[in-house]
C-alpha cells in the first residue's frame, strides 16, 4: 500500500517533477539525434547493402577525395560566404530603419519582409525556376532585354556565377525577413537612454549605429552567423528545386547534401553516405566553434 501511494506521489514530488516534465525532450533527443549520430558514425566505417554489412575501415573517407565531393564543398563554401555577406548587413540596416521613429507603415513592411519565410521552399524554388528561365520570355530575361542585354541561360549556362546569383537571390528573398525580426528583437532591448545621451553629445546617426547599435547587437549577429553557416553548408532543397532534380549542368548546383543524397540513397551506398554526413557535421561544427571562439563567446565572464 505504501509502495502504491509512493508511486502515485511521484509526479507531485518537487525532486521528481522537473525530470518528468523534461523527459519528453530527453526521449526525443536520444531517439532522433543521439541514436542517429551514433549510427552514422558506425555506418561510416562500413559498407552497408541490403541484408549485408561489412567493415571497411577508412575506405569510405578515402573515397571522398574525388572531384565531385571537392566541387560540392567548394559550391557550399561559396554559397555560404556570399549569403552571409548579404543576409547579415542588409537585415541589420532594414531593422534599424524599421525601428526608427520616423518610419511610417512599420507593421506593413515587417509583414511584407517576413512573408517569404512562410512560403514553402518547394513553391519558392518552382517560382524562381520560372523567373530564372532560359527563354527570352522568362521574367528576368524580359527585364534585362529592355536594358539591351541578351537573354541569359541562368541555370545551365557556361558562366557559373549565374547559378550562384539565382541561389543567392532565392536565399536572400527567403531569409532576409527572418533576420530582420531577429535584429528588431535585439533593438528593442537596447535602452533609449544610450541614444539620448549620444544625441546630447552630438553624435550623428552613423556614429550611433557604429558605437551603440552594432556592438549591442553582437549576440544577435553571432546567432544569425551561426545558423547561416549551418544553413549554407546544409543547403540542398533550394538547389534541388531550381534545377528540377539533383543533377545540374557541370555540377554548378551540386551541394554536399545533394552528393550525400545521390550516393547514399539513389545509389544505395549508405555507408559512403554516412561518411559524407559525418564529414559535413565535423566540418560545420569546426567552422562554428572557430567562429564562436573568435567572437569571444567562450571567454569567462561573457
C-alpha atoms as a PDB file:
ATOM      1  CA  UNK A   1       0.000   0.000   0.000  1.00  0.00           C
ATOM      2  CA  UNK A   2       2.856   2.349   0.850  1.00  0.00           C
ATOM      3  CA  UNK A   3       4.548   1.495  -2.459  1.00  0.00           C
ATOM      4  CA  UNK A   4       1.362   2.295  -4.387  1.00  0.00           C
ATOM      5  CA  UNK A   5       0.954   5.650  -2.636  1.00  0.00           C
ATOM      6  CA  UNK A   6       4.620   6.437  -3.261  1.00  0.00           C
ATOM      7  CA  UNK A   7       4.243   5.769  -6.981  1.00  0.00           C
ATOM      8  CA  UNK A   8       1.156   7.997  -7.149  1.00  0.00           C
ATOM      9  CA  UNK A   9       3.010  10.799  -5.386  1.00  0.00           C
ATOM     10  CA  UNK A  10       5.994  10.718  -7.742  1.00  0.00           C
ATOM     11  CA  UNK A  11       4.625  13.208 -10.322  1.00  0.00           C
ATOM     12  CA  UNK A  12       3.930  15.677  -7.484  1.00  0.00           C
ATOM     13  CA  UNK A  13       7.349  15.403  -5.898  1.00  0.00           C
ATOM     14  CA  UNK A  14       9.438  18.570  -6.113  1.00  0.00           C
ATOM     15  CA  UNK A  15      12.510  16.451  -6.813  1.00  0.00           C
ATOM     16  CA  UNK A  16      10.962  14.151  -9.410  1.00  0.00           C
ATOM     17  CA  UNK A  17       8.549  16.549 -11.183  1.00  0.00           C
ATOM     18  CA  UNK A  18      11.254  18.503 -13.094  1.00  0.00           C
ATOM     19  CA  UNK A  19      12.580  15.254 -14.587  1.00  0.00           C
ATOM     20  CA  UNK A  20       9.055  14.190 -15.540  1.00  0.00           C
ATOM     21  CA  UNK A  21       8.486  17.460 -17.414  1.00  0.00           C
ATOM     22  CA  UNK A  22      11.771  17.325 -19.329  1.00  0.00           C
ATOM     23  CA  UNK A  23      11.577  13.587 -20.038  1.00  0.00           C
ATOM     24  CA  UNK A  24       9.726  14.041 -23.399  1.00  0.00           C
ATOM     25  CA  UNK A  25      12.542  16.248 -24.666  1.00  0.00           C
ATOM     26  CA  UNK A  26      15.222  13.847 -23.401  1.00  0.00           C
ATOM     27  CA  UNK A  27      13.497  10.873 -25.049  1.00  0.00           C
ATOM     28  CA  UNK A  28      13.079  12.693 -28.370  1.00  0.00           C
ATOM     29  CA  UNK A  29      16.668  13.980 -28.213  1.00  0.00           C
ATOM     30  CA  UNK A  30      18.051  10.494 -27.589  1.00  0.00           C
ATOM     31  CA  UNK A  31      15.917   8.809 -30.260  1.00  0.00           C
ATOM     32  CA  UNK A  32      16.132  11.386 -33.050  1.00  0.00           C
ATOM     33  CA  UNK A  33      19.576  12.929 -32.510  1.00  0.00           C
ATOM     34  CA  UNK A  34      21.963  10.892 -30.383  1.00  0.00           C
ATOM     35  CA  UNK A  35      20.966   7.499 -31.804  1.00  0.00           C
ATOM     36  CA  UNK A  36      21.157   8.647 -35.473  1.00  0.00           C
ATOM     37  CA  UNK A  37      24.549  10.284 -34.865  1.00  0.00           C
ATOM     38  CA  UNK A  38      25.942   7.129 -33.256  1.00  0.00           C
ATOM     39  CA  UNK A  39      24.501   5.009 -36.083  1.00  0.00           C
ATOM     40  CA  UNK A  40      26.036   7.355 -38.652  1.00  0.00           C
ATOM     41  CA  UNK A  41      29.458   7.083 -37.031  1.00  0.00           C
ATOM     42  CA  UNK A  42      29.263   3.284 -37.031  1.00  0.00           C
ATOM     43  CA  UNK A  43      27.982   3.009 -40.616  1.00  0.00           C
ATOM     44  CA  UNK A  44      30.641   5.419 -41.912  1.00  0.00           C
ATOM     45  CA  UNK A  45      33.197   2.647 -41.308  1.00  0.00           C
ATOM     46  CA  UNK A  46      31.036   0.010 -43.009  1.00  0.00           C
ATOM     47  CA  UNK A  47      29.794  -0.981 -46.435  1.00  0.00           C
ATOM     48  CA  UNK A  48      26.045  -1.233 -45.967  1.00  0.00           C
ATOM     49  CA  UNK A  49      23.964  -3.008 -48.593  1.00  0.00           C
ATOM     50  CA  UNK A  50      20.510  -4.569 -48.147  1.00  0.00           C
ATOM     51  CA  UNK A  51      20.921  -7.594 -45.902  1.00  0.00           C
ATOM     52  CA  UNK A  52      24.694  -7.290 -45.532  1.00  0.00           C
ATOM     53  CA  UNK A  53      27.092  -5.122 -43.542  1.00  0.00           C
ATOM     54  CA  UNK A  54      30.864  -5.246 -43.978  1.00  0.00           C
ATOM     55  CA  UNK A  55      33.514  -3.346 -42.028  1.00  0.00           C
ATOM     56  CA  UNK A  56      35.742  -1.399 -44.445  1.00  0.00           C
ATOM     57  CA  UNK A  57      37.659   0.871 -42.064  1.00  0.00           C
ATOM     58  CA  UNK A  58      38.569   4.267 -43.534  1.00  0.00           C
ATOM     59  CA  UNK A  59      37.793   3.331 -47.143  1.00  0.00           C
ATOM     60  CA  UNK A  60      34.638   5.451 -47.229  1.00  0.00           C
ATOM     61  CA  UNK A  61      36.560   8.530 -46.100  1.00  0.00           C
ATOM     62  CA  UNK A  62      39.376   7.854 -48.586  1.00  0.00           C
ATOM     63  CA  UNK A  63      36.801   7.729 -51.375  1.00  0.00           C
ATOM     64  CA  UNK A  64      35.761  11.292 -50.512  1.00  0.00           C
ATOM     65  CA  UNK A  65      38.940  12.546 -52.189  1.00  0.00           C
ATOM     66  CA  UNK A  66      37.296  12.910 -55.595  1.00  0.00           C
ATOM     67  CA  UNK A  67      36.376  15.807 -57.856  1.00  0.00           C
ATOM     68  CA  UNK A  68      32.625  15.593 -57.228  1.00  0.00           C
ATOM     69  CA  UNK A  69      32.983  15.943 -53.461  1.00  0.00           C
ATOM     70  CA  UNK A  70      35.515  18.765 -53.854  1.00  0.00           C
ATOM     71  CA  UNK A  71      33.097  20.502 -56.206  1.00  0.00           C
ATOM     72  CA  UNK A  72      30.260  20.117 -53.699  1.00  0.00           C
ATOM     73  CA  UNK A  73      32.365  21.519 -50.842  1.00  0.00           C
ATOM     74  CA  UNK A  74      33.502  24.449 -52.996  1.00  0.00           C
ATOM     75  CA  UNK A  75      29.921  25.236 -54.025  1.00  0.00           C
ATOM     76  CA  UNK A  76      28.724  25.167 -50.414  1.00  0.00           C
ATOM     77  CA  UNK A  77      31.568  27.393 -49.232  1.00  0.00           C
ATOM     78  CA  UNK A  78      30.931  29.972 -51.960  1.00  0.00           C
ATOM     79  CA  UNK A  79      27.199  29.854 -51.290  1.00  0.00           C
ATOM     80  CA  UNK A  80      27.720  30.237 -47.524  1.00  0.00           C
ATOM     81  CA  UNK A  81      30.136  33.166 -47.819  1.00  0.00           C
ATOM     82  CA  UNK A  82      28.019  35.062 -50.342  1.00  0.00           C
ATOM     83  CA  UNK A  83      24.792  34.614 -48.384  1.00  0.00           C
ATOM     84  CA  UNK A  84      26.431  35.707 -45.123  1.00  0.00           C
ATOM     85  CA  UNK A  85      27.743  38.813 -46.894  1.00  0.00           C
ATOM     86  CA  UNK A  86      24.128  39.758 -47.681  1.00  0.00           C
ATOM     87  CA  UNK A  87      21.771  38.311 -45.050  1.00  0.00           C
ATOM     88  CA  UNK A  88      23.575  39.964 -42.127  1.00  0.00           C
ATOM     89  CA  UNK A  89      24.277  43.609 -43.099  1.00  0.00           C
ATOM     90  CA  UNK A  90      21.110  44.123 -45.184  1.00  0.00           C
ATOM     91  CA  UNK A  91      18.658  42.890 -42.483  1.00  0.00           C
ATOM     92  CA  UNK A  92      20.574  44.948 -39.916  1.00  0.00           C
ATOM     93  CA  UNK A  93      20.094  48.154 -41.894  1.00  0.00           C
ATOM     94  CA  UNK A  94      16.457  47.309 -42.631  1.00  0.00           C
ATOM     95  CA  UNK A  95      15.795  46.624 -38.936  1.00  0.00           C
ATOM     96  CA  UNK A  96      17.370  49.955 -37.956  1.00  0.00           C
ATOM     97  CA  UNK A  97      15.148  51.741 -40.479  1.00  0.00           C
ATOM     98  CA  UNK A  98      12.020  49.912 -39.281  1.00  0.00           C
ATOM     99  CA  UNK A  99      12.910  50.707 -35.667  1.00  0.00           C
ATOM    100  CA  UNK A 100      13.234  54.412 -36.402  1.00  0.00           C
ATOM    101  CA  UNK A 101      10.549  56.707 -35.055  1.00  0.00           C
ATOM    102  CA  UNK A 102      10.360  58.483 -38.402  1.00  0.00           C
ATOM    103  CA  UNK A 103       9.469  55.311 -40.300  1.00  0.00           C
ATOM    104  CA  UNK A 104       5.862  55.069 -41.481  1.00  0.00           C
ATOM    105  CA  UNK A 105       3.976  51.848 -42.157  1.00  0.00           C
ATOM    106  CA  UNK A 106       6.274  49.766 -39.948  1.00  0.00           C
ATOM    107  CA  UNK A 107       3.851  46.900 -39.495  1.00  0.00           C
ATOM    108  CA  UNK A 108       3.188  46.706 -43.231  1.00  0.00           C
ATOM    109  CA  UNK A 109       6.864  46.478 -44.151  1.00  0.00           C
ATOM    110  CA  UNK A 110       7.540  43.976 -41.365  1.00  0.00           C
ATOM    111  CA  UNK A 111       4.782  41.730 -42.688  1.00  0.00           C
ATOM    112  CA  UNK A 112       5.999  42.074 -46.290  1.00  0.00           C
ATOM    113  CA  UNK A 113       9.588  41.211 -45.328  1.00  0.00           C
ATOM    114  CA  UNK A 114       8.588  38.252 -43.152  1.00  0.00           C
ATOM    115  CA  UNK A 115       6.038  36.791 -45.586  1.00  0.00           C
ATOM    116  CA  UNK A 116       8.588  34.948 -47.822  1.00  0.00           C
ATOM    117  CA  UNK A 117       9.728  32.798 -44.894  1.00  0.00           C
ATOM    118  CA  UNK A 118       6.199  31.372 -44.673  1.00  0.00           C
ATOM    119  CA  UNK A 119       6.279  30.194 -48.285  1.00  0.00           C
ATOM    120  CA  UNK A 120       7.233  26.560 -48.824  1.00  0.00           C
ATOM    121  CA  UNK A 121      10.706  26.149 -50.296  1.00  0.00           C
ATOM    122  CA  UNK A 122       9.177  23.817 -52.897  1.00  0.00           C
ATOM    123  CA  UNK A 123       6.809  26.539 -54.089  1.00  0.00           C
ATOM    124  CA  UNK A 124       9.536  29.184 -53.887  1.00  0.00           C
ATOM    125  CA  UNK A 125      12.006  27.031 -55.821  1.00  0.00           C
ATOM    126  CA  UNK A 126       9.478  26.302 -58.563  1.00  0.00           C
ATOM    127  CA  UNK A 127       8.622  30.012 -58.832  1.00  0.00           C
ATOM    128  CA  UNK A 128      12.253  31.080 -59.020  1.00  0.00           C
ATOM    129  CA  UNK A 129      12.907  28.436 -61.667  1.00  0.00           C
ATOM    130  CA  UNK A 130      10.324  30.187 -63.813  1.00  0.00           C
ATOM    131  CA  UNK A 131      11.799  33.615 -63.017  1.00  0.00           C
ATOM    132  CA  UNK A 132      15.296  32.462 -63.976  1.00  0.00           C
ATOM    133  CA  UNK A 133      14.160  30.537 -67.041  1.00  0.00           C
ATOM    134  CA  UNK A 134      16.386  30.485 -70.100  1.00  0.00           C
ATOM    135  CA  UNK A 135      13.661  31.515 -72.556  1.00  0.00           C
ATOM    136  CA  UNK A 136      13.553  35.159 -73.688  1.00  0.00           C
ATOM    137  CA  UNK A 137      10.026  35.378 -72.287  1.00  0.00           C
ATOM    138  CA  UNK A 138      11.120  34.437 -68.743  1.00  0.00           C
ATOM    139  CA  UNK A 139      10.625  37.259 -66.231  1.00  0.00           C
ATOM    140  CA  UNK A 140      14.258  38.156 -65.602  1.00  0.00           C
ATOM    141  CA  UNK A 141      15.265  37.847 -69.252  1.00  0.00           C
ATOM    142  CA  UNK A 142      12.316  40.032 -70.192  1.00  0.00           C
ATOM    143  CA  UNK A 143      13.529  42.696 -67.790  1.00  0.00           C
ATOM    144  CA  UNK A 144      17.154  42.705 -68.950  1.00  0.00           C
ATOM    145  CA  UNK A 145      16.052  42.704 -72.599  1.00  0.00           C
ATOM    146  CA  UNK A 146      14.647  46.213 -72.031  1.00  0.00           C
ATOM    147  CA  UNK A 147      18.152  47.224 -70.935  1.00  0.00           C
ATOM    148  CA  UNK A 148      19.658  45.972 -74.169  1.00  0.00           C
ATOM    149  CA  UNK A 149      21.103  42.766 -72.658  1.00  0.00           C
ATOM    150  CA  UNK A 150      20.714  39.468 -74.454  1.00  0.00           C
ATOM    151  CA  UNK A 151      18.827  36.609 -72.695  1.00  0.00           C
ATOM    152  CA  UNK A 152      20.997  34.670 -70.230  1.00  0.00           C
ATOM    153  CA  UNK A 153      20.863  30.963 -69.523  1.00  0.00           C
ATOM    154  CA  UNK A 154      20.805  31.434 -65.766  1.00  0.00           C
ATOM    155  CA  UNK A 155      20.604  27.844 -64.527  1.00  0.00           C
ATOM    156  CA  UNK A 156      22.621  25.978 -67.103  1.00  0.00           C
ATOM    157  CA  UNK A 157      24.897  28.390 -68.878  1.00  0.00           C
ATOM    158  CA  UNK A 158      28.686  28.252 -69.112  1.00  0.00           C
ATOM    159  CA  UNK A 159      29.104  31.045 -66.546  1.00  0.00           C
ATOM    160  CA  UNK A 160      28.798  29.609 -63.050  1.00  0.00           C
ATOM    161  CA  UNK A 161      28.122  32.995 -61.464  1.00  0.00           C
ATOM    162  CA  UNK A 162      24.603  32.946 -62.871  1.00  0.00           C
ATOM    163  CA  UNK A 163      23.811  29.807 -60.860  1.00  0.00           C
ATOM    164  CA  UNK A 164      25.077  31.323 -57.631  1.00  0.00           C
ATOM    165  CA  UNK A 165      23.210  34.531 -58.379  1.00  0.00           C
ATOM    166  CA  UNK A 166      19.950  32.558 -58.635  1.00  0.00           C
ATOM    167  CA  UNK A 167      20.661  30.635 -55.427  1.00  0.00           C
ATOM    168  CA  UNK A 168      21.721  33.811 -53.618  1.00  0.00           C
ATOM    169  CA  UNK A 169      18.578  35.640 -54.740  1.00  0.00           C
ATOM    170  CA  UNK A 170      16.365  32.811 -53.512  1.00  0.00           C
ATOM    171  CA  UNK A 171      18.164  32.679 -50.161  1.00  0.00           C
ATOM    172  CA  UNK A 172      18.039  36.436 -49.592  1.00  0.00           C
ATOM    173  CA  UNK A 173      14.380  36.611 -50.585  1.00  0.00           C
ATOM    174  CA  UNK A 174      13.527  33.840 -48.152  1.00  0.00           C
ATOM    175  CA  UNK A 175      15.635  34.665 -45.082  1.00  0.00           C
ATOM    176  CA  UNK A 176      16.100  38.437 -45.032  1.00  0.00           C
ATOM    177  CA  UNK A 177      12.763  38.983 -43.284  1.00  0.00           C
ATOM    178  CA  UNK A 178      13.549  36.397 -40.594  1.00  0.00           C
ATOM    179  CA  UNK A 179      16.861  38.077 -39.798  1.00  0.00           C
ATOM    180  CA  UNK A 180      15.123  41.458 -39.701  1.00  0.00           C
ATOM    181  CA  UNK A 181      12.837  40.083 -36.970  1.00  0.00           C
ATOM    182  CA  UNK A 182      15.871  38.837 -35.028  1.00  0.00           C
ATOM    183  CA  UNK A 183      17.501  42.264 -35.214  1.00  0.00           C
ATOM    184  CA  UNK A 184      14.279  44.040 -34.290  1.00  0.00           C
ATOM    185  CA  UNK A 185      14.035  41.932 -31.134  1.00  0.00           C
ATOM    186  CA  UNK A 186      17.634  42.872 -30.325  1.00  0.00           C
ATOM    187  CA  UNK A 187      16.988  46.571 -30.953  1.00  0.00           C
ATOM    188  CA  UNK A 188      14.028  46.505 -28.575  1.00  0.00           C
ATOM    189  CA  UNK A 189      16.416  45.527 -25.758  1.00  0.00           C
ATOM    190  CA  UNK A 190      18.770  48.490 -26.280  1.00  0.00           C
ATOM    191  CA  UNK A 191      17.955  51.250 -23.733  1.00  0.00           C
ATOM    192  CA  UNK A 192      16.804  54.509 -25.325  1.00  0.00           C
ATOM    193  CA  UNK A 193      18.876  56.372 -22.738  1.00  0.00           C
ATOM    194  CA  UNK A 194      22.011  55.437 -24.655  1.00  0.00           C
ATOM    195  CA  UNK A 195      20.741  57.129 -27.811  1.00  0.00           C
ATOM    196  CA  UNK A 196      19.544  60.149 -25.838  1.00  0.00           C
ATOM    197  CA  UNK A 197      22.972  60.503 -24.241  1.00  0.00           C
ATOM    198  CA  UNK A 198      24.563  60.208 -27.700  1.00  0.00           C
ATOM    199  CA  UNK A 199      22.262  62.954 -29.003  1.00  0.00           C
ATOM    200  CA  UNK A 200      23.333  65.223 -26.146  1.00  0.00           C
ATOM    201  CA  UNK A 201      26.979  64.563 -27.038  1.00  0.00           C
ATOM    202  CA  UNK A 202      26.240  65.495 -30.634  1.00  0.00           C
ATOM    203  CA  UNK A 203      26.611  62.044 -32.172  1.00  0.00           C
ATOM    204  CA  UNK A 204      25.198  61.552 -35.649  1.00  0.00           C
ATOM    205  CA  UNK A 205      23.157  58.632 -36.966  1.00  0.00           C
ATOM    206  CA  UNK A 206      26.179  56.768 -38.332  1.00  0.00           C
ATOM    207  CA  UNK A 207      28.102  57.227 -35.087  1.00  0.00           C
ATOM    208  CA  UNK A 208      25.197  55.853 -33.044  1.00  0.00           C
ATOM    209  CA  UNK A 209      24.936  52.923 -35.441  1.00  0.00           C
ATOM    210  CA  UNK A 210      28.657  52.193 -35.207  1.00  0.00           C
ATOM    211  CA  UNK A 211      29.268  52.708 -31.493  1.00  0.00           C
ATOM    212  CA  UNK A 212      25.914  51.743 -29.923  1.00  0.00           C
ATOM    213  CA  UNK A 213      23.693  49.667 -32.211  1.00  0.00           C
ATOM    214  CA  UNK A 214      26.181  47.297 -33.830  1.00  0.00           C
ATOM    215  CA  UNK A 215      28.157  46.472 -30.634  1.00  0.00           C
ATOM    216  CA  UNK A 216      24.997  45.833 -28.582  1.00  0.00           C
ATOM    217  CA  UNK A 217      23.543  43.654 -31.357  1.00  0.00           C
ATOM    218  CA  UNK A 218      26.620  41.428 -31.286  1.00  0.00           C
ATOM    219  CA  UNK A 219      24.856  38.406 -29.658  1.00  0.00           C
ATOM    220  CA  UNK A 220      22.111  38.554 -32.304  1.00  0.00           C
ATOM    221  CA  UNK A 221      24.692  38.835 -35.079  1.00  0.00           C
ATOM    222  CA  UNK A 222      26.633  35.846 -33.742  1.00  0.00           C
ATOM    223  CA  UNK A 223      23.430  33.799 -33.587  1.00  0.00           C
ATOM    224  CA  UNK A 224      22.450  34.730 -37.165  1.00  0.00           C
ATOM    225  CA  UNK A 225      26.001  33.977 -38.325  1.00  0.00           C
ATOM    226  CA  UNK A 226      25.882  30.559 -36.651  1.00  0.00           C
ATOM    227  CA  UNK A 227      22.588  29.483 -38.218  1.00  0.00           C
ATOM    228  CA  UNK A 228      23.661  30.969 -41.568  1.00  0.00           C
ATOM    229  CA  UNK A 229      26.813  28.846 -41.600  1.00  0.00           C
ATOM    230  CA  UNK A 230      24.793  25.749 -40.833  1.00  0.00           C
ATOM    231  CA  UNK A 231      22.117  26.646 -43.396  1.00  0.00           C
ATOM    232  CA  UNK A 232      24.695  27.372 -46.076  1.00  0.00           C
ATOM    233  CA  UNK A 233      26.644  24.166 -45.583  1.00  0.00           C
ATOM    234  CA  UNK A 234      23.467  22.049 -45.352  1.00  0.00           C
ATOM    235  CA  UNK A 235      21.743  23.672 -48.355  1.00  0.00           C
ATOM    236  CA  UNK A 236      20.082  21.155 -50.662  1.00  0.00           C
ATOM    237  CA  UNK A 237      16.404  21.707 -51.356  1.00  0.00           C
ATOM    238  CA  UNK A 238      16.924  25.147 -52.920  1.00  0.00           C
ATOM    239  CA  UNK A 239      19.328  23.697 -55.482  1.00  0.00           C
ATOM    240  CA  UNK A 240      17.151  20.624 -55.991  1.00  0.00           C
ATOM    241  CA  UNK A 241      14.098  22.729 -56.832  1.00  0.00           C
ATOM    242  CA  UNK A 242      15.928  25.258 -59.017  1.00  0.00           C
ATOM    243  CA  UNK A 243      17.422  22.512 -61.180  1.00  0.00           C
ATOM    244  CA  UNK A 244      14.319  20.305 -61.053  1.00  0.00           C
ATOM    245  CA  UNK A 245      16.382  17.439 -59.625  1.00  0.00           C
ATOM    246  CA  UNK A 246      19.745  16.548 -58.168  1.00  0.00           C
ATOM    247  CA  UNK A 247      21.590  16.865 -61.486  1.00  0.00           C
ATOM    248  CA  UNK A 248      22.847  20.265 -62.586  1.00  0.00           C
ATOM    249  CA  UNK A 249      24.892  21.166 -65.689  1.00  0.00           C
ATOM    250  CA  UNK A 250      28.587  20.817 -64.886  1.00  0.00           C
ATOM    251  CA  UNK A 251      27.796  20.299 -61.200  1.00  0.00           C
ATOM    252  CA  UNK A 252      27.069  24.016 -60.817  1.00  0.00           C
ATOM    253  CA  UNK A 253      24.363  23.319 -58.233  1.00  0.00           C
ATOM    254  CA  UNK A 254      25.934  20.266 -56.604  1.00  0.00           C
ATOM    255  CA  UNK A 255      25.966  20.503 -52.797  1.00  0.00           C
ATOM    256  CA  UNK A 256      27.292  18.267 -50.034  1.00  0.00           C
ATOM    257  CA  UNK A 257      23.801  17.129 -49.074  1.00  0.00           C
ATOM    258  CA  UNK A 258      22.997  16.625 -52.758  1.00  0.00           C
ATOM    259  CA  UNK A 259      26.095  14.456 -53.125  1.00  0.00           C
ATOM    260  CA  UNK A 260      25.076  12.526 -49.999  1.00  0.00           C
ATOM    261  CA  UNK A 261      21.577  12.028 -51.418  1.00  0.00           C
ATOM    262  CA  UNK A 262      22.978  10.844 -54.749  1.00  0.00           C
ATOM    263  CA  UNK A 263      25.437   8.338 -53.290  1.00  0.00           C
ATOM    264  CA  UNK A 264      23.614   7.362 -50.117  1.00  0.00           C
ATOM    265  CA  UNK A 265      20.061   6.935 -51.425  1.00  0.00           C
ATOM    266  CA  UNK A 266      19.983   6.970 -55.207  1.00  0.00           C
ATOM    267  CA  UNK A 267      22.882   4.502 -55.371  1.00  0.00           C
ATOM    268  CA  UNK A 268      22.037   2.812 -52.021  1.00  0.00           C
ATOM    269  CA  UNK A 269      25.592   3.267 -50.695  1.00  0.00           C
ATOM    270  CA  UNK A 270      24.526   4.054 -47.145  1.00  0.00           C
ATOM    271  CA  UNK A 271      27.981   3.588 -45.620  1.00  0.00           C
ATOM    272  CA  UNK A 272      29.530   6.094 -48.013  1.00  0.00           C
ATOM    273  CA  UNK A 273      26.610   8.462 -47.446  1.00  0.00           C
ATOM    274  CA  UNK A 274      27.176   8.208 -43.696  1.00  0.00           C
ATOM    275  CA  UNK A 275      30.817   9.163 -44.203  1.00  0.00           C
ATOM    276  CA  UNK A 276      29.722  12.234 -46.181  1.00  0.00           C
ATOM    277  CA  UNK A 277      27.216  13.211 -43.492  1.00  0.00           C
ATOM    278  CA  UNK A 278      29.731  12.748 -40.688  1.00  0.00           C
ATOM    279  CA  UNK A 279      32.318  14.800 -42.575  1.00  0.00           C
ATOM    280  CA  UNK A 280      29.762  17.581 -43.076  1.00  0.00           C
ATOM    281  CA  UNK A 281      28.875  17.512 -39.368  1.00  0.00           C
ATOM    282  CA  UNK A 282      32.516  17.749 -38.258  1.00  0.00           C
ATOM    283  CA  UNK A 283      33.328  20.406 -40.860  1.00  0.00           C
ATOM    284  CA  UNK A 284      30.339  22.617 -39.984  1.00  0.00           C
ATOM    285  CA  UNK A 285      30.835  22.139 -36.248  1.00  0.00           C
ATOM    286  CA  UNK A 286      34.504  23.056 -36.588  1.00  0.00           C
ATOM    287  CA  UNK A 287      33.728  26.255 -38.506  1.00  0.00           C
ATOM    288  CA  UNK A 288      31.134  27.312 -35.933  1.00  0.00           C
ATOM    289  CA  UNK A 289      33.433  26.577 -32.987  1.00  0.00           C
ATOM    290  CA  UNK A 290      36.214  28.645 -34.571  1.00  0.00           C
ATOM    291  CA  UNK A 291      33.741  31.452 -35.261  1.00  0.00           C
ATOM    292  CA  UNK A 292      32.380  31.388 -31.694  1.00  0.00           C
ATOM    293  CA  UNK A 293      35.926  31.271 -30.334  1.00  0.00           C
ATOM    294  CA  UNK A 294      36.866  34.276 -32.456  1.00  0.00           C
ATOM    295  CA  UNK A 295      33.717  36.085 -31.290  1.00  0.00           C
ATOM    296  CA  UNK A 296      34.866  35.621 -27.698  1.00  0.00           C
ATOM    297  CA  UNK A 297      31.807  33.719 -26.501  1.00  0.00           C
ATOM    298  CA  UNK A 298      33.955  31.068 -24.776  1.00  0.00           C
ATOM    299  CA  UNK A 299      35.674  33.619 -22.559  1.00  0.00           C
ATOM    300  CA  UNK A 300      34.773  33.700 -18.892  1.00  0.00           C
ATOM    301  CA  UNK A 301      32.513  36.491 -17.820  1.00  0.00           C
ATOM    302  CA  UNK A 302      30.912  36.981 -21.262  1.00  0.00           C
END
